[in-house]
Amino acid sequence: IQYFWTALSFSVMLCPAFAQIRYGVPEEVREGTTVGNVAKDLGLEVALLSDRRFRVVSGSNQALFEVNRDTGDLFVRQKIDREELSYIWRNKC
């Protein structure tokens, strides 16, 4: 029983480290468009983004989004073409 509580408390401590948020982005939105504020949506102070080495992870080789670590804003780094991304994902499998 003690092992169970140790494992449970350890997993609870890890949960915030693996938080996920999702944003909807219209196709072909302009570069530099702000999508959301990840610091606010994750309940973090903006200063913690740099301290925690915050990064955006995707399954694509292209960096479509970037986070401004000074403001917490997530913005579009390059034009998003859903047809091109669909082609890449279909051929990746």
PDB file of N, CA and C in Angstrom:
ATOM      1  N   ILE A   1       0.827  -1.188   0.000  1.00  0.00           N
ATOM      2  CA  ILE A   1       0.000   0.000   0.000  1.00  0.00           C
ATOM      3  C   ILE A   1       0.869   1.247   0.000  1.00  0.00           C
ATOM      4  N   GLN A   2       1.966   1.256   0.719  1.00  0.00           N
ATOM      5  CA  GLN A   2       2.826   2.427   0.733  1.00  0.00           C
ATOM      6  C   GLN A   2       3.385   2.687  -0.669  1.00  0.00           C
ATOM      7  N   TYR A   3       3.722   1.632  -1.409  1.00  0.00           N
ATOM      8  CA  TYR A   3       4.222   1.788  -2.775  1.00  0.00           C
ATOM      9  C   TYR A   3       3.178   2.482  -3.646  1.00  0.00           C
ATOM     10  N   PHE A   4       1.898   2.092  -3.489  1.00  0.00           N
ATOM     11  CA  PHE A   4       0.817   2.685  -4.268  1.00  0.00           C
ATOM     12  C   PHE A   4       0.756   4.190  -4.049  1.00  0.00           C
ATOM     13  N   TRP A   5       0.798   4.644  -2.787  1.00  0.00           N
ATOM     14  CA  TRP A   5       0.710   6.069  -2.494  1.00  0.00           C
ATOM     15  C   TRP A   5       1.940   6.821  -2.985  1.00  0.00           C
ATOM     16  N   THR A   6       3.095   6.205  -2.910  1.00  0.00           N
ATOM     17  CA  THR A   6       4.307   6.834  -3.432  1.00  0.00           C
ATOM     18  C   THR A   6       4.196   7.014  -4.937  1.00  0.00           C
ATOM     19  N   ALA A   7       3.746   5.978  -5.638  1.00  0.00           N
ATOM     20  CA  ALA A   7       3.588   6.065  -7.091  1.00  0.00           C
ATOM     21  C   ALA A   7       2.527   7.086  -7.460  1.00  0.00           C
ATOM     22  N   LEU A   8       1.423   7.109  -6.730  1.00  0.00           N
ATOM     23  CA  LEU A   8       0.346   8.051  -7.008  1.00  0.00           C
ATOM     24  C   LEU A   8       0.804   9.486  -6.796  1.00  0.00           C
ATOM     25  N   SER A   9       1.482   9.757  -5.690  1.00  0.00           N
ATOM     26  CA  SER A   9       1.933  11.124  -5.431  1.00  0.00           C
ATOM     27  C   SER A   9       2.987  11.549  -6.443  1.00  0.00           C
ATOM     28  N   PHE A  10       3.834  10.629  -6.888  1.00  0.00           N
ATOM     29  CA  PHE A  10       4.832  10.945  -7.902  1.00  0.00           C
ATOM     30  C   PHE A  10       4.162  11.299  -9.222  1.00  0.00           C
ATOM     31  N   SER A  11       3.141  10.542  -9.616  1.00  0.00           N
ATOM     32  CA  SER A  11       2.461  10.826 -10.879  1.00  0.00           C
ATOM     33  C   SER A  11       1.703  12.144 -10.812  1.00  0.00           C
ATOM     34  N   VAL A  12       1.151  12.490  -9.671  1.00  0.00           N
ATOM     35  CA  VAL A  12       0.457  13.766  -9.512  1.00  0.00           C
ATOM     36  C   VAL A  12       1.443  14.918  -9.644  1.00  0.00           C
ATOM     37  N   MET A  13       2.655  14.747  -9.125  1.00  0.00           N
ATOM     38  CA  MET A  13       3.661  15.794  -9.242  1.00  0.00           C
ATOM     39  C   MET A  13       4.099  15.970 -10.690  1.00  0.00           C
ATOM     40  N   LEU A  14       4.064  14.927 -11.497  1.00  0.00           N
ATOM     41  CA  LEU A  14       4.490  15.022 -12.886  1.00  0.00           C
ATOM     42  C   LEU A  14       3.429  15.611 -13.799  1.00  0.00           C
ATOM     43  N   CYS A  15       2.183  15.519 -13.437  1.00  0.00           N
ATOM     44  CA  CYS A  15       1.104  15.970 -14.319  1.00  0.00           C
ATOM     45  C   CYS A  15       1.287  17.392 -14.844  1.00  0.00           C
ATOM     46  N   PRO A  16       1.600  18.385 -14.012  1.00  0.00           N
ATOM     47  CA  PRO A  16       1.758  19.735 -14.545  1.00  0.00           C
ATOM     48  C   PRO A  16       2.903  19.857 -15.550  1.00  0.00           C
ATOM     49  N   ALA A  17       3.886  19.007 -15.482  1.00  0.00           N
ATOM     50  CA  ALA A  17       5.024  19.090 -16.393  1.00  0.00           C
ATOM     51  C   ALA A  17       4.658  18.651 -17.799  1.00  0.00           C
ATOM     52  N   PHE A  18       3.580  17.909 -17.942  1.00  0.00           N
ATOM     53  CA  PHE A  18       3.189  17.399 -19.248  1.00  0.00           C
ATOM     54  C   PHE A  18       1.840  17.951 -19.694  1.00  0.00           C
ATOM     55  N   ALA A  19       1.549  19.190 -19.342  1.00  0.00           N
ATOM     56  CA  ALA A  19       0.271  19.796 -19.698  1.00  0.00           C
ATOM     57  C   ALA A  19       0.171  19.993 -21.205  1.00  0.00           C
ATOM     58  N   GLN A  20      -1.040  19.864 -21.712  1.00  0.00           N
ATOM     59  CA  GLN A  20      -1.299  20.079 -23.131  1.00  0.00           C
ATOM     60  C   GLN A  20      -2.422  21.081 -23.285  1.00  0.00           C
ATOM     61  N   ILE A  21      -2.271  21.953 -24.251  1.00  0.00           N
ATOM     62  CA  ILE A  21      -3.337  22.873 -24.618  1.00  0.00           C
ATOM     63  C   ILE A  21      -3.474  22.830 -26.130  1.00  0.00           C
ATOM     64  N   ARG A  22      -4.647  23.153 -26.619  1.00  0.00           N
ATOM     65  CA  ARG A  22      -4.890  23.148 -28.064  1.00  0.00           C
ATOM     66  C   ARG A  22      -5.522  24.462 -28.472  1.00  0.00           C
ATOM     67  N   TYR A  23      -5.140  24.929 -29.656  1.00  0.00           N
ATOM     68  CA  TYR A  23      -5.704  26.141 -30.218  1.00  0.00           C
ATOM     69  C   TYR A  23      -6.179  25.836 -31.640  1.00  0.00           C
ATOM     70  N   GLY A  24      -7.237  26.474 -32.048  1.00  0.00           N
ATOM     71  CA  GLY A  24      -7.709  26.380 -33.426  1.00  0.00           C
ATOM     72  C   GLY A  24      -7.138  27.544 -34.221  1.00  0.00           C
ATOM     73  N   VAL A  25      -6.628  27.243 -35.418  1.00  0.00           N
ATOM     74  CA  VAL A  25      -6.014  28.273 -36.247  1.00  0.00           C
ATOM     75  C   VAL A  25      -6.609  28.192 -37.648  1.00  0.00           C
ATOM     76  N   PRO A  26      -7.155  29.294 -38.163  1.00  0.00           N
ATOM     77  CA  PRO A  26      -7.673  29.273 -39.533  1.00  0.00           C
ATOM     78  C   PRO A  26      -6.548  29.034 -40.541  1.00  0.00           C
ATOM     79  N   GLU A  27      -6.893  28.405 -41.652  1.00  0.00           N
ATOM     80  CA  GLU A  27      -5.909  28.127 -42.697  1.00  0.00           C
ATOM     81  C   GLU A  27      -5.425  29.428 -43.325  1.00  0.00           C
ATOM     82  N   GLU A  28      -4.160  29.457 -43.675  1.00  0.00           N
ATOM     83  CA  GLU A  28      -3.496  30.560 -44.364  1.00  0.00           C
ATOM     84  C   GLU A  28      -3.602  31.889 -43.625  1.00  0.00           C
ATOM     85  N   VAL A  29      -3.587  31.831 -42.293  1.00  0.00           N
ATOM     86  CA  VAL A  29      -3.550  33.047 -41.488  1.00  0.00           C
ATOM     87  C   VAL A  29      -2.163  33.674 -41.650  1.00  0.00           C
ATOM     88  N   ARG A  30      -2.074  34.980 -41.514  1.00  0.00           N
ATOM     89  CA  ARG A  30      -0.805  35.683 -41.739  1.00  0.00           C
ATOM     90  C   ARG A  30       0.266  35.300 -40.721  1.00  0.00           C
ATOM     91  N   GLU A  31       1.518  35.324 -41.183  1.00  0.00           N
ATOM     92  CA  GLU A  31       2.649  35.098 -40.284  1.00  0.00           C
ATOM     93  C   GLU A  31       2.644  36.185 -39.216  1.00  0.00           C
ATOM     94  N   GLY A  32       2.962  35.803 -38.000  1.00  0.00           N
ATOM     95  CA  GLY A  32       3.001  36.754 -36.898  1.00  0.00           C
ATOM     96  C   GLY A  32       1.684  36.900 -36.155  1.00  0.00           C
ATOM     97  N   THR A  33       0.617  36.260 -36.658  1.00  0.00           N
ATOM     98  CA  THR A  33      -0.686  36.329 -35.998  1.00  0.00           C
ATOM     99  C   THR A  33      -0.631  35.611 -34.647  1.00  0.00           C
ATOM    100  N   THR A  34      -1.111  36.269 -33.605  1.00  0.00           N
ATOM    101  CA  THR A  34      -1.147  35.662 -32.277  1.00  0.00           C
ATOM    102  C   THR A  34      -2.301  34.677 -32.191  1.00  0.00           C
ATOM    103  N   VAL A  35      -1.999  33.486 -31.713  1.00  0.00           N
ATOM    104  CA  VAL A  35      -2.987  32.415 -31.595  1.00  0.00           C
ATOM    105  C   VAL A  35      -3.554  32.360 -30.180  1.00  0.00           C
ATOM    106  N   GLY A  36      -2.723  32.570 -29.193  1.00  0.00           N
ATOM    107  CA  GLY A  36      -3.148  32.522 -27.797  1.00  0.00           C
ATOM    108  C   GLY A  36      -1.976  32.850 -26.896  1.00  0.00           C
ATOM    109  N   ASN A  37      -2.230  32.881 -25.612  1.00  0.00           N
ATOM    110  CA  ASN A  37      -1.169  33.143 -24.650  1.00  0.00           C
ATOM    111  C   ASN A  37      -0.980  31.894 -23.795  1.00  0.00           C
ATOM    112  N   VAL A  38       0.100  31.166 -24.063  1.00  0.00           N
ATOM    113  CA  VAL A  38       0.317  29.881 -23.390  1.00  0.00           C
ATOM    114  C   VAL A  38       0.597  30.039 -21.899  1.00  0.00           C
ATOM    115  N   ALA A  39       1.266  31.108 -21.516  1.00  0.00           N
ATOM    116  CA  ALA A  39       1.539  31.319 -20.092  1.00  0.00           C
ATOM    117  C   ALA A  39       0.223  31.463 -19.332  1.00  0.00           C
ATOM    118  N   LYS A  40      -0.660  32.284 -19.846  1.00  0.00           N
ATOM    119  CA  LYS A  40      -1.958  32.497 -19.202  1.00  0.00           C
ATOM    120  C   LYS A  40      -2.780  31.210 -19.200  1.00  0.00           C
ATOM    121  N   ASP A  41      -2.819  30.519 -20.347  1.00  0.00           N
ATOM    122  CA  ASP A  41      -3.650  29.324 -20.469  1.00  0.00           C
ATOM    123  C   ASP A  41      -3.130  28.144 -19.654  1.00  0.00           C
ATOM    124  N   LEU A  42      -1.830  28.120 -19.380  1.00  0.00           N
ATOM    125  CA  LEU A  42      -1.262  27.073 -18.528  1.00  0.00           C
ATOM    126  C   LEU A  42      -1.192  27.493 -17.065  1.00  0.00           C
ATOM    127  N   GLY A  43      -1.544  28.750 -16.792  1.00  0.00           N
ATOM    128  CA  GLY A  43      -1.507  29.243 -15.418  1.00  0.00           C
ATOM    129  C   GLY A  43      -0.097  29.477 -14.916  1.00  0.00           C
ATOM    130  N   LEU A  44       0.805  29.879 -15.814  1.00  0.00           N
ATOM    131  CA  LEU A  44       2.202  30.117 -15.447  1.00  0.00           C
ATOM    132  C   LEU A  44       2.523  31.601 -15.496  1.00  0.00           C
ATOM    133  N   GLU A  45       3.497  32.010 -14.716  1.00  0.00           N
ATOM    134  CA  GLU A  45       4.027  33.356 -14.858  1.00  0.00           C
ATOM    135  C   GLU A  45       4.908  33.359 -16.099  1.00  0.00           C
ATOM    136  N   VAL A  46       4.903  34.458 -16.831  1.00  0.00           N
ATOM    137  CA  VAL A  46       5.657  34.546 -18.082  1.00  0.00           C
ATOM    138  C   VAL A  46       7.136  34.263 -17.859  1.00  0.00           C
ATOM    139  N   ALA A  47       7.687  34.700 -16.744  1.00  0.00           N
ATOM    140  CA  ALA A  47       9.111  34.485 -16.456  1.00  0.00           C
ATOM    141  C   ALA A  47       9.464  33.003 -16.410  1.00  0.00           C
ATOM    142  N   LEU A  48       8.502  32.153 -16.077  1.00  0.00           N
ATOM    143  CA  LEU A  48       8.772  30.719 -15.981  1.00  0.00           C
ATOM    144  C   LEU A  48       8.958  30.055 -17.345  1.00  0.00           C
ATOM    145  N   LEU A  49       8.495  30.692 -18.422  1.00  0.00           N
ATOM    146  CA  LEU A  49       8.649  30.084 -19.747  1.00  0.00           C
ATOM    147  C   LEU A  49      10.120  29.874 -20.082  1.00  0.00           C
ATOM    148  N   SER A  50      10.930  30.874 -19.828  1.00  0.00           N
ATOM    149  CA  SER A  50      12.370  30.728 -20.076  1.00  0.00           C
ATOM    150  C   SER A  50      13.008  29.795 -19.067  1.00  0.00           C
ATOM    151  N   ASP A  51      12.621  29.934 -17.807  1.00  0.00           N
ATOM    152  CA  ASP A  51      13.193  29.086 -16.758  1.00  0.00           C
ATOM    153  C   ASP A  51      12.931  27.606 -17.023  1.00  0.00           C
ATOM    154  N   ARG A  52      11.752  27.295 -17.534  1.00  0.00           N
ATOM    155  CA  ARG A  52      11.383  25.897 -17.794  1.00  0.00           C
ATOM    156  C   ARG A  52      11.736  25.451 -19.213  1.00  0.00           C
ATOM    157  N   ARG A  53      12.408  26.324 -19.945  1.00  0.00           N
ATOM    158  CA  ARG A  53      12.799  26.032 -21.343  1.00  0.00           C
ATOM    159  C   ARG A  53      11.591  25.596 -22.169  1.00  0.00           C
ATOM    160  N   PHE A  54      10.546  26.405 -22.099  1.00  0.00           N
ATOM    161  CA  PHE A  54       9.299  26.104 -22.794  1.00  0.00           C
ATOM    162  C   PHE A  54       9.543  25.998 -24.293  1.00  0.00           C
ATOM    163  N   ARG A  55       8.885  25.023 -24.927  1.00  0.00           N
ATOM    164  CA  ARG A  55       9.008  24.863 -26.373  1.00  0.00           C
ATOM    165  C   ARG A  55       7.721  24.283 -26.934  1.00  0.00           C
ATOM    166  N   VAL A  56       7.521  24.509 -28.208  1.00  0.00           N
ATOM    167  CA  VAL A  56       6.367  23.970 -28.917  1.00  0.00           C
ATOM    168  C   VAL A  56       6.815  22.702 -29.619  1.00  0.00           C
ATOM    169  N   VAL A  57       6.088  21.621 -29.402  1.00  0.00           N
ATOM    170  CA  VAL A  57       6.429  20.336 -30.004  1.00  0.00           C
ATOM    171  C   VAL A  57       5.327  19.953 -30.973  1.00  0.00           C
ATOM    172  N   SER A  58       5.734  19.563 -32.182  1.00  0.00           N
ATOM    173  CA  SER A  58       4.755  19.089 -33.164  1.00  0.00           C
ATOM    174  C   SER A  58       5.349  17.894 -33.887  1.00  0.00           C
ATOM    175  N   GLY A  59       4.526  17.227 -34.648  1.00  0.00           N
ATOM    176  CA  GLY A  59       4.993  16.072 -35.401  1.00  0.00           C
ATOM    177  C   GLY A  59       5.612  16.447 -36.728  1.00  0.00           C
ATOM    178  N   SER A  60       5.687  17.721 -37.018  1.00  0.00           N
ATOM    179  CA  SER A  60       6.200  18.195 -38.301  1.00  0.00           C
ATOM    180  C   SER A  60       7.649  18.652 -38.158  1.00  0.00           C
ATOM    181  N   ASN A  61       8.384  18.578 -39.252  1.00  0.00           N
ATOM    182  CA  ASN A  61       9.752  19.108 -39.259  1.00  0.00           C
ATOM    183  C   ASN A  61       9.744  20.629 -39.344  1.00  0.00           C
ATOM    184  N   GLN A  62       8.628  21.179 -39.811  1.00  0.00           N
ATOM    185  CA  GLN A  62       8.505  22.620 -39.962  1.00  0.00           C
ATOM    186  C   GLN A  62       8.066  23.243 -38.641  1.00  0.00           C
ATOM    187  N   ALA A  63       8.682  24.344 -38.288  1.00  0.00           N
ATOM    188  CA  ALA A  63       8.272  25.075 -37.085  1.00  0.00           C
ATOM    189  C   ALA A  63       7.180  26.056 -37.495  1.00  0.00           C
ATOM    190  N   LEU A  64       5.931  25.642 -37.343  1.00  0.00           N
ATOM    191  CA  LEU A  64       4.809  26.476 -37.758  1.00  0.00           C
ATOM    192  C   LEU A  64       4.456  27.531 -36.719  1.00  0.00           C
ATOM    193  N   PHE A  65       4.805  27.274 -35.467  1.00  0.00           N
ATOM    194  CA  PHE A  65       4.472  28.185 -34.377  1.00  0.00           C
ATOM    195  C   PHE A  65       5.703  28.468 -33.537  1.00  0.00           C
ATOM    196  N   GLU A  66       5.648  29.593 -32.830  1.00  0.00           N
ATOM    197  CA  GLU A  66       6.726  29.958 -31.918  1.00  0.00           C
ATOM    198  C   GLU A  66       6.114  30.701 -30.732  1.00  0.00           C
ATOM    199  N   VAL A  67       6.781  30.649 -29.605  1.00  0.00           N
ATOM    200  CA  VAL A  67       6.312  31.349 -28.410  1.00  0.00           C
ATOM    201  C   VAL A  67       7.260  32.497 -28.099  1.00  0.00           C
ATOM    202  N   ASN A  68       6.687  33.666 -27.893  1.00  0.00           N
ATOM    203  CA  ASN A  68       7.457  34.803 -27.425  1.00  0.00           C
ATOM    204  C   ASN A  68       7.622  34.619 -25.920  1.00  0.00           C
ATOM    205  N   ARG A  69       8.823  34.330 -25.480  1.00  0.00           N
ATOM    206  CA  ARG A  69       9.057  34.027 -24.061  1.00  0.00           C
ATOM    207  C   ARG A  69       8.948  35.255 -23.166  1.00  0.00           C
ATOM    208  N   ASP A  70       8.938  36.448 -23.764  1.00  0.00           N
ATOM    209  CA  ASP A  70       8.775  37.670 -22.967  1.00  0.00           C
ATOM    210  C   ASP A  70       7.312  37.959 -22.653  1.00  0.00           C
ATOM    211  N   THR A  71       6.400  37.524 -23.557  1.00  0.00           N
ATOM    212  CA  THR A  71       4.977  37.823 -23.372  1.00  0.00           C
ATOM    213  C   THR A  71       4.123  36.579 -23.151  1.00  0.00           C
ATOM    214  N   GLY A  72       4.615  35.415 -23.580  1.00  0.00           N
ATOM    215  CA  GLY A  72       3.837  34.183 -23.494  1.00  0.00           C
ATOM    216  C   GLY A  72       2.954  33.946 -24.702  1.00  0.00           C
ATOM    217  N   ASP A  73       2.979  34.869 -25.669  1.00  0.00           N
ATOM    218  CA  ASP A  73       2.131  34.737 -26.855  1.00  0.00           C
ATOM    219  C   ASP A  73       2.638  33.650 -27.789  1.00  0.00           C
ATOM    220  N   LEU A  74       1.719  32.819 -28.242  1.00  0.00           N
ATOM    221  CA  LEU A  74       1.993  31.820 -29.274  1.00  0.00           C
ATOM    222  C   LEU A  74       1.597  32.457 -30.592  1.00  0.00           C
ATOM    223  N   PHE A  75       2.515  32.473 -31.559  1.00  0.00           N
ATOM    224  CA  PHE A  75       2.196  33.102 -32.834  1.00  0.00           C
ATOM    225  C   PHE A  75       2.576  32.204 -34.002  1.00  0.00           C
ATOM    226  N   VAL A  76       1.959  32.488 -35.143  1.00  0.00           N
ATOM    227  CA  VAL A  76       2.199  31.736 -36.370  1.00  0.00           C
ATOM    228  C   VAL A  76       3.542  32.169 -36.934  1.00  0.00           C
ATOM    229  N   ARG A  77       4.411  31.210 -37.140  1.00  0.00           N
ATOM    230  CA  ARG A  77       5.755  31.501 -37.641  1.00  0.00           C
ATOM    231  C   ARG A  77       5.796  31.509 -39.163  1.00  0.00           C
ATOM    232  N   GLN A  78       4.997  30.640 -39.791  1.00  0.00           N
ATOM    233  CA  GLN A  78       4.929  30.620 -41.252  1.00  0.00           C
ATOM    234  C   GLN A  78       3.534  30.202 -41.679  1.00  0.00           C
ATOM    235  N   LYS A  79       3.195  30.509 -42.912  1.00  0.00           N
ATOM    236  CA  LYS A  79       1.864  30.215 -43.437  1.00  0.00           C
ATOM    237  C   LYS A  79       1.547  28.731 -43.295  1.00  0.00           C
ATOM    238  N   ILE A  80       0.327  28.440 -42.874  1.00  0.00           N
ATOM    239  CA  ILE A  80      -0.103  27.059 -42.677  1.00  0.00           C
ATOM    240  C   ILE A  80      -0.954  26.640 -43.865  1.00  0.00           C
ATOM    241  N   ASP A  81      -0.488  25.647 -44.597  1.00  0.00           N
ATOM    242  CA  ASP A  81      -1.223  25.102 -45.736  1.00  0.00           C
ATOM    243  C   ASP A  81      -1.666  23.694 -45.351  1.00  0.00           C
ATOM    244  N   ARG A  82      -2.946  23.536 -45.060  1.00  0.00           N
ATOM    245  CA  ARG A  82      -3.452  22.243 -44.580  1.00  0.00           C
ATOM    246  C   ARG A  82      -3.275  21.132 -45.613  1.00  0.00           C
ATOM    247  N   GLU A  83      -3.405  21.452 -46.899  1.00  0.00           N
ATOM    248  CA  GLU A  83      -3.218  20.425 -47.935  1.00  0.00           C
ATOM    249  C   GLU A  83      -1.787  19.903 -47.924  1.00  0.00           C
ATOM    250  N   GLU A  84      -0.838  20.806 -47.793  1.00  0.00           N
ATOM    251  CA  GLU A  84       0.571  20.404 -47.745  1.00  0.00           C
ATOM    252  C   GLU A  84       0.852  19.574 -46.494  1.00  0.00           C
ATOM    253  N   LEU A  85       0.305  19.992 -45.359  1.00  0.00           N
ATOM    254  CA  LEU A  85       0.497  19.231 -44.125  1.00  0.00           C
ATOM    255  C   LEU A  85      -0.153  17.856 -44.212  1.00  0.00           C
ATOM    256  N   SER A  86      -1.327  17.770 -44.815  1.00  0.00           N
ATOM    257  CA  SER A  86      -1.996  16.472 -44.979  1.00  0.00           C
ATOM    258  C   SER A  86      -1.148  15.539 -45.824  1.00  0.00           C
ATOM    259  N   TYR A  87      -0.545  16.078 -46.885  1.00  0.00           N
ATOM    260  CA  TYR A  87       0.315  15.273 -47.754  1.00  0.00           C
ATOM    261  C   TYR A  87       1.518  14.749 -46.968  1.00  0.00           C
ATOM    262  N   ILE A  88       2.120  15.614 -46.179  1.00  0.00           N
ATOM    263  CA  ILE A  88       3.285  15.216 -45.377  1.00  0.00           C
ATOM    264  C   ILE A  88       2.895  14.123 -44.393  1.00  0.00           C
ATOM    265  N   TRP A  89       1.758  14.292 -43.701  1.00  0.00           N
ATOM    266  CA  TRP A  89       1.325  13.305 -42.707  1.00  0.00           C
ATOM    267  C   TRP A  89       0.969  11.971 -43.340  1.00  0.00           C
ATOM    268  N   ARG A  90       0.320  12.005 -44.517  1.00  0.00           N
ATOM    269  CA  ARG A  90      -0.043  10.747 -45.186  1.00  0.00           C
ATOM    270  C   ARG A  90       1.196   9.973 -45.606  1.00  0.00           C
ATOM    271  N   ASN A  91       2.204  10.660 -46.094  1.00  0.00           N
ATOM    272  CA  ASN A  91       3.415   9.995 -46.574  1.00  0.00           C
ATOM    273  C   ASN A  91       4.389   9.653 -45.454  1.00  0.00           C
ATOM    274  N   LYS A  92       4.156  10.182 -44.274  1.00  0.00           N
ATOM    275  CA  LYS A  92       5.033   9.902 -43.141  1.00  0.00           C
ATOM    276  C   LYS A  92       4.794   8.500 -42.586  1.00  0.00           C
ATOM    277  N   CYS A  93       3.563   8.036 -42.640  1.00  0.00           N
ATOM    278  CA  CYS A  93       3.205   6.732 -42.060  1.00  0.00           C
ATOM    279  C   CYS A  93       3.640   5.580 -42.934  1.00  0.00           C
TER     280      CYS A  93
END
